[in-house]
Amino acid sequence: MTRYNLARLTPALALFGRAAAIPFVSDATTTVSSAAPTTLLPVPVTNVTSHGPYTGPPPTTTGALSTDVLAPSIPALPPLQQKYDYPADGKLHAPEPAPYTPNDGLGTNGSAPVYRVQSDFDYQSLALALYQEWIELDLFHHGLAKFSEEEFEAAGLTAKDRYLIQFMAEQEVGHATVVTNMLGPEAPKQCTYNYPYTTVREFVDFNQKLTRFGESGVYGFLNHLDSREAATILLQSITTEARQQMIFRQFNGQFPMPVWFETGIPQSWAWTLLAPYISSCPENQTRLIWQNIPKLTVLNQPNPARTNGSNVWNDTIPGDYLNTLSTANISSMAACGNDTCAPAITNNRSIPLSYPGRQVFLSWDDPGQAVGPNNSYVTSTTAGMPKFAAWVSQLNVTYSPLEYISGNSAYTIQPNVSTIEGDPAINGTMFLAVTDLDLFVTPFNISQINPHVRALTIYQAG
């Protein structure tokens, strides 16, 4: 049996008292032994017994964590010239530091890795990821406890499917453990939560949307982390979350992976979509710096529970940030049958959920709403009057103009664009915002759009 040699721990790891819980190789060798391998000691997990909205006293502190702010936004600068210097001609341009090893690369000089956050950016990003891991752990357990076997069976989910959800909850214990270790003793703890769903189908739809922004939220910051070691561990956990999102799409009768590239979003987007479902957290819980953006509602959000998923109006659960689909008002004739949208490895729907040229009707909340743990965060925006809808999917941010703007409502037309020929850019569980500017951004600098975002949600394209 293979085991890692944990004989020598770096002082930075030992500070946290859980160093052995971090995958750490102290030298270049791997020993073979019949002895039991070193195992993780999971962080304490509480079975959350309270679910529902926050009912405690008004918070004494509101808003995100903040210190001195140097500017209203980060200015756009031209690319660094050295980014163009490497000739990229397939030849080697420096001596190899070791056999079969090209020159350069980050973290390749032989120094022992330290799995620890290295900056404010690292800490706040991983703390956000930990909040996400905690809610998923509770959410999966909550759905299994809330609904009977008969209700799951009626939705087409068998005992084997339910065990898969249980196993996904167990995965979250591991994810929460390693992220807690990389953050240290002030890492966020498990909270209590408030979910909008009342049926199995709504539970599944909520899950596939929550895991979508959990996955995309990490993709958005992963390559910006100062700690490359922490990024490595987080990458290994988020690949599992990507599979969870795909499975919940399959449980929802949707095509599992309708895009060629998975998008990344800014941390403030992930926190905006997550925070409304956290009711209360332990006293003195670590606060986050990220913005809470006002809610955007898609009045005709496509509904995969209908045969014609695009023929909808107010089919979502009222007030829900994720536009979670409601099954309450679907007649038996309009409901999607088992031949096209039952849980399956894949389904091929003849009527698309949405399509280029579709009118999408939108409304958005004003800022100043109390959200998040203990209602202690407040939605805010620096954007002016919305003028555009920003469609964020795959490698693209595509803008379409808002039409017939009246107060806090408007409509727009779903664009007809491709990432690469044959690959519709607007597809899958994706993100939709209204902005005051059609700012050009790319996957690596997408957070520069934040000062121009007026409201945000998830859109169910396809």
Protein backbone atom coordinates (compact mmCIF):
# COMPACT_ATOMS: atom_id res chain seq x y z
CA MET A 1 0.00 0.00 0.00
CA THR A 2 1.33 3.45 -0.90
CA ARG A 3 1.57 6.06 1.78
CA TYR A 4 3.04 9.54 1.98
CA ASN A 5 6.01 10.14 4.22
CA LEU A 6 4.90 12.77 6.74
CA ALA A 7 8.01 12.59 8.88
CA ARG A 8 9.09 16.20 8.40
CA LEU A 9 6.48 18.98 8.49
CA THR A 10 7.25 22.58 7.68
CA PRO A 11 6.73 25.07 10.53
CA ALA A 12 4.08 26.91 8.48
CA LEU A 13 1.95 23.78 8.40
CA ALA A 14 2.54 22.87 12.00
CA LEU A 15 1.13 26.23 13.13
CA PHE A 16 -2.37 25.08 12.41
CA GLY A 17 -2.37 21.90 14.45
CA ARG A 18 -3.90 19.86 11.64
CA ALA A 19 -0.89 19.55 9.40
CA ALA A 20 -1.35 15.82 8.85
CA ALA A 21 -4.74 16.53 7.32
CA ILE A 22 -3.02 18.25 4.38
CA PRO A 23 -1.67 16.12 1.53
CA PHE A 24 2.00 16.94 2.03
CA VAL A 25 5.09 15.09 0.82
CA SER A 26 8.13 16.07 2.85
CA ASP A 27 10.66 14.58 0.44
CA ALA A 28 10.78 13.15 -3.06
CA THR A 29 10.24 9.53 -2.09
CA THR A 30 7.11 7.45 -1.72
CA THR A 31 7.41 4.42 0.53
CA VAL A 32 5.65 1.10 0.11
CA SER A 33 4.35 -0.51 3.30
CA SER A 34 1.66 -2.83 4.54
CA ALA A 35 0.93 -0.42 7.38
CA ALA A 36 -2.19 1.74 7.35
CA PRO A 37 -1.74 5.01 5.43
CA THR A 38 -1.90 8.37 7.12
CA THR A 39 -5.54 9.49 7.05
CA LEU A 40 -7.31 12.79 7.31
CA LEU A 41 -8.94 13.85 10.55
CA PRO A 42 -12.12 15.55 9.32
CA VAL A 43 -13.19 18.85 10.82
CA PRO A 44 -16.19 18.60 13.17
CA VAL A 45 -19.47 18.38 11.32
CA THR A 46 -22.79 19.27 12.92
CA ASN A 47 -26.08 17.86 11.73
CA VAL A 48 -27.94 21.12 11.21
CA THR A 49 -31.33 20.77 12.88
CA SER A 50 -32.63 24.28 12.21
CA HIS A 51 -33.66 25.36 8.73
CA GLY A 52 -35.55 28.47 7.75
CA PRO A 53 -35.11 32.24 7.52
CA TYR A 54 -33.17 34.25 10.06
CA THR A 55 -35.34 35.26 13.00
CA GLY A 56 -32.77 36.61 15.44
CA PRO A 57 -32.11 40.17 16.59
CA PRO A 58 -31.15 42.85 14.07
CA PRO A 59 -27.43 42.67 13.31
CA THR A 60 -25.13 45.26 14.83
CA THR A 61 -22.70 45.06 11.92
CA THR A 62 -23.73 45.30 8.29
CA GLY A 63 -21.85 45.01 5.05
CA ALA A 64 -18.77 43.19 3.93
CA LEU A 65 -15.45 43.31 5.71
CA SER A 66 -13.50 46.39 4.62
CA THR A 67 -10.40 48.47 5.30
CA ASP A 68 -9.08 51.43 3.31
CA VAL A 69 -10.30 51.43 -0.31
CA LEU A 70 -7.80 53.01 -2.70
CA ALA A 71 -9.99 53.53 -5.78
CA PRO A 72 -13.55 52.89 -7.00
CA SER A 73 -12.28 50.29 -9.46
CA ILE A 74 -9.07 48.73 -10.75
CA PRO A 75 -8.02 50.65 -13.89
CA ALA A 76 -7.67 48.83 -17.18
CA LEU A 77 -4.05 48.68 -18.31
CA PRO A 78 -2.40 47.43 -21.52
CA PRO A 79 -0.87 43.94 -21.48
CA LEU A 80 2.66 43.49 -20.16
CA GLN A 81 5.14 43.49 -23.03
CA GLN A 82 7.03 40.47 -21.66
CA LYS A 83 3.89 38.40 -22.26
CA TYR A 84 4.88 38.52 -25.95
CA ASP A 85 8.61 37.86 -25.53
CA TYR A 86 8.68 34.07 -25.47
CA PRO A 87 9.10 32.90 -29.11
CA ALA A 88 6.78 29.84 -28.81
CA ASP A 89 8.59 28.06 -31.65
CA GLY A 90 8.73 24.59 -30.11
CA LYS A 91 12.43 24.84 -29.27
CA LEU A 92 14.10 24.99 -25.85
CA HIS A 93 15.53 28.41 -24.97
CA ALA A 94 17.30 27.74 -21.65
CA PRO A 95 19.21 24.86 -20.03
CA GLU A 96 17.10 22.16 -18.40
CA PRO A 97 17.33 22.27 -14.58
CA ALA A 98 17.02 18.46 -14.53
CA PRO A 99 16.60 15.70 -17.13
CA TYR A 100 13.34 15.94 -19.09
CA THR A 101 12.46 19.18 -17.29
CA PRO A 102 11.95 22.44 -19.20
CA ASN A 103 13.11 25.70 -17.67
CA ASP A 104 10.83 27.93 -15.56
CA GLY A 105 7.33 27.23 -14.23
CA LEU A 106 5.97 28.22 -10.83
CA GLY A 107 6.74 26.10 -7.76
CA THR A 108 9.17 23.89 -9.66
CA ASN A 109 12.45 24.82 -7.95
CA GLY A 110 12.41 21.89 -5.53
CA SER A 111 11.30 23.79 -2.42
CA ALA A 112 8.84 21.94 -0.20
CA PRO A 113 5.22 23.01 -0.78
CA VAL A 114 3.31 24.85 1.95
CA TYR A 115 -0.44 24.35 1.75
CA ARG A 116 -1.40 27.65 3.35
CA VAL A 117 -3.01 30.89 2.17
CA GLN A 118 -0.48 33.59 1.36
CA SER A 119 -2.47 36.82 1.01
CA ASP A 120 -5.75 38.59 1.75
CA PHE A 121 -6.87 37.55 -1.72
CA ASP A 122 -6.13 33.90 -0.93
CA TYR A 123 -7.84 33.99 2.46
CA GLN A 124 -11.04 35.66 1.28
CA SER A 125 -11.26 33.41 -1.78
CA LEU A 126 -10.78 30.17 0.15
CA ALA A 127 -13.13 31.34 2.90
CA LEU A 128 -15.79 31.82 0.22
CA ALA A 129 -15.08 28.32 -1.08
CA LEU A 130 -15.47 26.95 2.45
CA TYR A 131 -18.87 28.62 2.89
CA GLN A 132 -19.83 26.81 -0.34
CA GLU A 133 -18.58 23.42 0.83
CA TRP A 134 -20.50 23.75 4.12
CA ILE A 135 -23.83 24.55 2.47
CA GLU A 136 -23.48 21.67 0.02
CA LEU A 137 -22.80 19.26 2.88
CA ASP A 138 -26.00 20.36 4.62
CA LEU A 139 -28.05 20.70 1.44
CA PHE A 140 -27.50 17.14 0.25
CA HIS A 141 -28.36 15.75 3.69
CA HIS A 142 -31.39 18.03 4.00
CA GLY A 143 -32.98 16.89 0.75
CA LEU A 144 -32.51 13.23 1.65
CA ALA A 145 -34.13 13.81 5.04
CA LYS A 146 -36.95 16.06 3.82
CA PHE A 147 -38.40 13.82 1.12
CA SER A 148 -39.66 10.26 1.45
CA GLU A 149 -38.53 7.32 -0.61
CA GLU A 150 -41.90 7.46 -2.36
CA GLU A 151 -41.37 11.11 -3.34
CA PHE A 152 -37.93 10.34 -4.75
CA GLU A 153 -39.29 7.32 -6.63
CA ALA A 154 -42.10 9.44 -8.11
CA ALA A 155 -39.43 11.81 -9.42
CA GLY A 156 -37.60 8.89 -11.03
CA LEU A 157 -34.78 8.68 -8.47
CA THR A 158 -34.08 5.23 -7.03
CA ALA A 159 -32.29 4.08 -3.88
CA LYS A 160 -29.05 4.00 -5.88
CA ASP A 161 -29.54 7.63 -6.87
CA ARG A 162 -30.22 8.61 -3.27
CA TYR A 163 -27.03 6.89 -2.18
CA LEU A 164 -25.13 8.89 -4.78
CA ILE A 165 -26.45 12.10 -3.19
CA GLN A 166 -25.38 10.77 0.22
CA PHE A 167 -21.92 10.02 -1.16
CA MET A 168 -21.68 13.55 -2.53
CA ALA A 169 -22.37 14.85 0.99
CA GLU A 170 -19.49 12.71 2.26
CA GLN A 171 -17.24 14.26 -0.39
CA GLU A 172 -18.04 17.67 1.07
CA VAL A 173 -16.66 16.59 4.46
CA GLY A 174 -13.30 16.07 2.79
CA HIS A 175 -13.49 19.34 0.89
CA ALA A 176 -14.37 21.30 4.03
CA THR A 177 -11.54 19.61 5.92
CA VAL A 178 -8.73 20.50 3.52
CA VAL A 179 -9.94 24.09 2.97
CA THR A 180 -10.26 24.59 6.75
CA ASN A 181 -6.69 23.40 7.19
CA MET A 182 -5.37 25.78 4.55
CA LEU A 183 -7.19 28.70 6.22
CA GLY A 184 -6.31 27.98 9.82
CA PRO A 185 -8.18 28.41 13.14
CA GLU A 186 -10.37 31.35 12.01
CA ALA A 187 -11.83 29.43 9.08
CA PRO A 188 -15.63 29.80 8.72
CA LYS A 189 -17.68 27.20 10.56
CA GLN A 190 -20.88 25.43 9.53
CA CYS A 191 -24.00 27.64 9.60
CA THR A 192 -27.78 27.17 9.42
CA TYR A 193 -29.57 27.48 6.10
CA ASN A 194 -32.83 28.35 4.39
CA TYR A 195 -33.86 26.57 1.18
CA PRO A 196 -36.70 27.44 -1.20
CA TYR A 197 -37.67 24.02 -2.57
CA THR A 198 -40.77 22.01 -1.60
CA THR A 199 -40.60 19.05 -4.05
CA VAL A 200 -37.91 16.62 -5.16
CA ARG A 201 -37.82 18.16 -8.63
CA GLU A 202 -37.30 21.61 -7.14
CA PHE A 203 -34.59 20.20 -4.85
CA VAL A 204 -32.73 18.78 -7.83
CA ASP A 205 -33.03 22.02 -9.83
CA PHE A 206 -31.77 24.03 -6.85
CA ASN A 207 -28.81 21.66 -6.50
CA GLN A 208 -27.77 21.83 -10.13
CA LYS A 209 -27.79 25.64 -9.95
CA LEU A 210 -26.01 25.87 -6.59
CA THR A 211 -23.25 23.50 -7.71
CA ARG A 212 -22.99 25.48 -10.94
CA PHE A 213 -22.00 28.74 -9.23
CA GLY A 214 -19.92 26.82 -6.68
CA GLU A 215 -17.87 25.32 -9.50
CA SER A 216 -17.71 28.50 -11.60
CA GLY A 217 -16.90 30.63 -8.57
CA VAL A 218 -13.68 28.68 -7.98
CA TYR A 219 -12.73 28.70 -11.67
CA GLY A 220 -12.94 32.49 -11.54
CA PHE A 221 -10.24 32.92 -8.88
CA LEU A 222 -8.21 29.69 -9.02
CA ASN A 223 -5.44 30.96 -11.31
CA HIS A 224 -5.19 34.27 -9.43
CA LEU A 225 -4.26 32.69 -6.06
CA ASP A 226 -0.86 33.60 -4.65
CA SER A 227 -0.59 30.15 -3.10
CA ARG A 228 -0.06 27.74 -5.97
CA GLU A 229 -0.15 24.89 -3.45
CA ALA A 230 -3.60 25.88 -2.23
CA ALA A 231 -4.71 26.22 -5.84
CA THR A 232 -3.60 22.63 -6.50
CA ILE A 233 -5.72 21.23 -3.66
CA LEU A 234 -8.69 23.40 -4.59
CA LEU A 235 -8.46 22.24 -8.20
CA GLN A 236 -8.63 18.65 -7.04
CA SER A 237 -11.79 19.35 -5.06
CA ILE A 238 -13.52 21.46 -7.70
CA THR A 239 -13.17 18.76 -10.34
CA THR A 240 -15.36 16.64 -8.07
CA GLU A 241 -17.89 19.46 -7.76
CA ALA A 242 -18.00 19.71 -11.55
CA ARG A 243 -19.10 16.08 -11.65
CA GLN A 244 -21.72 16.77 -8.99
CA GLN A 245 -23.19 19.56 -11.12
CA MET A 246 -23.32 17.26 -14.13
CA ILE A 247 -25.06 14.54 -12.11
CA PHE A 248 -27.74 16.92 -10.87
CA ARG A 249 -28.37 18.03 -14.44
CA GLN A 250 -28.86 14.35 -15.33
CA PHE A 251 -31.20 13.89 -12.36
CA ASN A 252 -33.13 16.91 -13.69
CA GLY A 253 -33.54 15.33 -17.12
CA GLN A 254 -31.16 17.81 -18.74
CA PHE A 255 -28.30 17.16 -21.13
CA PRO A 256 -25.30 16.73 -18.80
CA MET A 257 -22.63 18.90 -20.47
CA PRO A 258 -24.00 21.12 -23.24
CA VAL A 259 -20.95 23.42 -23.42
CA TRP A 260 -17.40 23.05 -24.65
CA PHE A 261 -15.91 25.27 -21.91
CA GLU A 262 -17.03 25.82 -18.33
CA THR A 263 -17.12 29.48 -17.35
CA GLY A 264 -15.60 31.22 -14.36
CA ILE A 265 -17.25 34.05 -12.43
CA PRO A 266 -15.99 36.66 -9.91
CA GLN A 267 -16.07 35.87 -6.20
CA SER A 268 -18.68 38.57 -5.58
CA TRP A 269 -21.02 36.79 -8.00
CA ALA A 270 -20.62 33.49 -6.17
CA TRP A 271 -21.17 35.17 -2.78
CA THR A 272 -24.21 37.05 -4.13
CA LEU A 273 -25.84 33.78 -5.19
CA LEU A 274 -24.84 31.86 -2.04
CA ALA A 275 -25.44 34.31 0.81
CA PRO A 276 -29.29 34.48 0.64
CA TYR A 277 -29.49 30.81 1.65
CA ILE A 278 -27.39 31.21 4.83
CA SER A 279 -29.64 32.02 7.80
CA SER A 280 -27.24 32.38 10.70
CA CYS A 281 -23.66 31.56 11.56
CA PRO A 282 -21.75 31.14 14.83
CA GLU A 283 -20.91 34.29 16.77
CA ASN A 284 -17.76 36.04 15.54
CA GLN A 285 -17.83 34.05 12.31
CA THR A 286 -15.24 35.14 9.74
CA ARG A 287 -16.79 37.81 7.53
CA LEU A 288 -16.21 38.09 3.80
CA ILE A 289 -15.14 41.10 1.79
CA TRP A 290 -17.16 40.23 -1.31
CA GLN A 291 -20.04 42.31 -2.63
CA ASN A 292 -23.69 41.25 -2.47
CA ILE A 293 -25.25 42.33 -5.77
CA PRO A 294 -29.03 42.95 -6.03
CA LYS A 295 -31.21 40.11 -7.32
CA LEU A 296 -32.18 39.85 -10.98
CA THR A 297 -35.38 37.93 -11.78
CA VAL A 298 -36.03 36.26 -15.13
CA LEU A 299 -39.80 36.46 -15.41
CA ASN A 300 -39.90 33.78 -18.11
CA GLN A 301 -37.07 31.57 -16.84
CA PRO A 302 -37.02 28.37 -18.96
CA ASN A 303 -38.38 25.38 -17.07
CA PRO A 304 -36.99 21.89 -17.84
CA ALA A 305 -40.00 20.34 -16.06
CA ARG A 306 -42.22 21.41 -18.98
CA THR A 307 -42.43 19.77 -22.40
CA ASN A 308 -42.02 23.22 -23.89
CA GLY A 309 -39.59 24.68 -21.40
CA SER A 310 -39.52 28.11 -23.03
CA ASN A 311 -43.30 28.61 -22.82
CA VAL A 312 -43.35 29.92 -19.26
CA TRP A 313 -44.28 32.92 -17.14
CA ASN A 314 -43.42 33.25 -13.45
CA ASP A 315 -42.55 29.57 -13.18
CA THR A 316 -39.90 30.21 -10.53
CA ILE A 317 -40.20 30.11 -6.75
CA PRO A 318 -41.13 33.68 -5.72
CA GLY A 319 -38.20 35.73 -4.45
CA ASP A 320 -35.59 33.04 -5.09
CA TYR A 321 -32.15 34.34 -6.08
CA LEU A 322 -31.34 31.35 -8.30
CA ASN A 323 -34.66 31.45 -10.15
CA THR A 324 -35.25 27.88 -8.92
CA LEU A 325 -38.03 26.31 -10.97
CA SER A 326 -41.37 25.68 -9.31
CA THR A 327 -43.39 22.59 -10.19
CA ALA A 328 -46.58 23.84 -8.53
CA ASN A 329 -48.40 25.24 -11.56
CA ILE A 330 -47.55 22.71 -14.24
CA SER A 331 -50.53 20.76 -15.55
CA SER A 332 -50.18 17.09 -16.40
CA MET A 333 -50.52 17.94 -20.09
CA ALA A 334 -47.71 20.54 -19.94
CA ALA A 335 -45.39 18.43 -17.77
CA CYS A 336 -42.41 16.90 -19.47
CA GLY A 337 -42.87 13.15 -19.84
CA ASN A 338 -40.46 10.40 -18.89
CA ASP A 339 -39.53 9.90 -22.54
CA THR A 340 -37.77 13.28 -22.77
CA CYS A 341 -36.83 14.58 -19.33
CA ALA A 342 -36.75 11.76 -16.80
CA PRO A 343 -33.49 11.25 -14.87
CA ALA A 344 -31.09 9.67 -17.35
CA ILE A 345 -27.50 9.62 -18.52
CA THR A 346 -28.68 11.88 -21.32
CA ASN A 347 -31.86 13.19 -22.91
CA ASN A 348 -32.28 14.80 -26.29
CA ARG A 349 -35.12 17.32 -26.13
CA SER A 350 -36.72 18.24 -29.44
CA ILE A 351 -38.00 21.58 -28.06
CA PRO A 352 -35.15 23.69 -26.67
CA LEU A 353 -35.40 25.39 -23.30
CA SER A 354 -34.32 28.66 -24.87
CA TYR A 355 -33.12 29.82 -28.28
CA PRO A 356 -31.52 32.77 -30.07
CA GLY A 357 -34.09 35.47 -30.66
CA ARG A 358 -36.13 34.63 -27.55
CA GLN A 359 -37.51 37.58 -25.62
CA VAL A 360 -36.24 37.41 -22.04
CA PHE A 361 -38.17 39.54 -19.55
CA LEU A 362 -36.26 40.87 -16.56
CA SER A 363 -36.84 42.74 -13.33
CA TRP A 364 -34.32 43.69 -10.67
CA ASP A 365 -34.28 44.64 -7.01
CA ASP A 366 -33.04 47.90 -5.58
CA PRO A 367 -29.87 47.74 -3.45
CA GLY A 368 -30.04 47.94 0.32
CA GLN A 369 -31.61 44.54 1.03
CA ALA A 370 -30.38 42.63 4.10
CA VAL A 371 -29.10 39.18 3.13
CA GLY A 372 -26.75 36.46 4.27
CA PRO A 373 -25.70 35.24 7.70
CA ASN A 374 -27.84 36.89 10.40
CA ASN A 375 -29.07 39.35 7.74
CA SER A 376 -25.76 41.13 8.35
CA TYR A 377 -24.79 41.81 4.74
CA VAL A 378 -26.42 44.42 2.51
CA THR A 379 -26.84 44.33 -1.26
CA SER A 380 -25.08 47.14 -3.09
CA THR A 381 -24.11 48.33 -6.55
CA THR A 382 -22.02 51.11 -8.05
CA ALA A 383 -23.61 50.71 -11.48
CA GLY A 384 -25.80 53.35 -13.07
CA MET A 385 -29.04 52.75 -14.95
CA PRO A 386 -28.88 49.34 -16.67
CA LYS A 387 -28.49 49.41 -20.44
CA PHE A 388 -27.33 45.89 -21.31
CA ALA A 389 -27.85 42.25 -20.47
CA ALA A 390 -24.53 40.45 -20.00
CA TRP A 391 -24.64 36.77 -20.95
CA VAL A 392 -21.74 34.97 -19.25
CA SER A 393 -21.09 31.49 -20.58
CA GLN A 394 -18.10 29.48 -21.77
CA LEU A 395 -15.31 31.86 -22.91
CA ASN A 396 -17.60 34.77 -23.71
CA VAL A 397 -19.33 37.72 -22.13
CA THR A 398 -21.88 38.75 -24.73
CA TYR A 399 -24.03 41.87 -24.36
CA SER A 400 -27.50 42.50 -25.70
CA PRO A 401 -29.26 45.85 -25.29
CA LEU A 402 -32.11 46.18 -22.82
CA GLU A 403 -35.38 47.18 -24.49
CA TYR A 404 -38.37 49.04 -23.11
CA ILE A 405 -36.71 49.92 -19.82
CA SER A 406 -39.41 50.93 -17.33
CA GLY A 407 -38.31 51.47 -13.75
CA ASN A 408 -36.71 48.20 -12.61
CA SER A 409 -37.81 46.08 -15.56
CA ALA A 410 -36.96 45.54 -19.22
CA TYR A 411 -36.62 42.82 -21.79
CA THR A 412 -33.78 41.73 -24.03
CA ILE A 413 -33.29 39.33 -26.93
CA GLN A 414 -31.19 36.19 -26.42
CA PRO A 415 -28.22 36.66 -28.80
CA ASN A 416 -27.17 34.24 -31.52
CA VAL A 417 -23.44 33.84 -30.95
CA SER A 418 -20.92 31.00 -30.95
CA THR A 419 -17.74 30.44 -28.98
CA ILE A 420 -16.34 28.35 -31.82
CA GLU A 421 -18.31 27.52 -34.95
CA GLY A 422 -20.81 24.82 -34.03
CA ASP A 423 -20.74 25.64 -30.30
CA PRO A 424 -23.54 27.99 -29.17
CA ALA A 425 -22.04 30.35 -26.58
CA ILE A 426 -25.32 30.70 -24.66
CA ASN A 427 -26.08 27.22 -23.36
CA GLY A 428 -26.39 25.26 -20.14
CA THR A 429 -26.72 26.59 -16.58
CA MET A 430 -25.17 30.03 -17.06
CA PHE A 431 -25.10 33.54 -15.66
CA LEU A 432 -27.05 36.65 -16.58
CA ALA A 433 -26.48 40.19 -15.33
CA VAL A 434 -27.74 43.66 -16.21
CA THR A 435 -25.02 46.30 -16.59
CA ASP A 436 -24.62 49.97 -17.35
CA LEU A 437 -21.76 49.35 -19.82
CA ASP A 438 -20.84 46.72 -22.41
CA LEU A 439 -17.30 46.43 -21.04
CA PHE A 440 -14.97 44.08 -22.91
CA VAL A 441 -13.68 41.40 -20.54
CA THR A 442 -12.22 37.94 -20.98
CA PRO A 443 -12.16 34.86 -18.70
CA PHE A 444 -8.98 35.99 -16.90
CA ASN A 445 -10.10 39.53 -16.03
CA ILE A 446 -13.87 39.10 -15.75
CA SER A 447 -13.97 40.68 -12.27
CA GLN A 448 -13.41 44.09 -13.90
CA ILE A 449 -17.08 44.02 -14.85
CA ASN A 450 -18.17 44.21 -11.18
CA PRO A 451 -18.46 48.02 -10.86
CA HIS A 452 -20.91 47.98 -13.79
CA VAL A 453 -23.21 45.16 -12.60
CA ARG A 454 -26.64 46.31 -11.42
CA ALA A 455 -28.19 42.88 -10.73
CA LEU A 456 -27.37 39.20 -11.19
CA THR A 457 -28.91 35.74 -11.54
CA ILE A 458 -28.64 32.32 -13.18
CA TYR A 459 -30.27 31.65 -16.55
CA GLN A 460 -31.31 28.19 -17.73
CA ALA A 461 -30.33 28.18 -21.42
CA GLY A 462 -30.38 25.33 -23.91
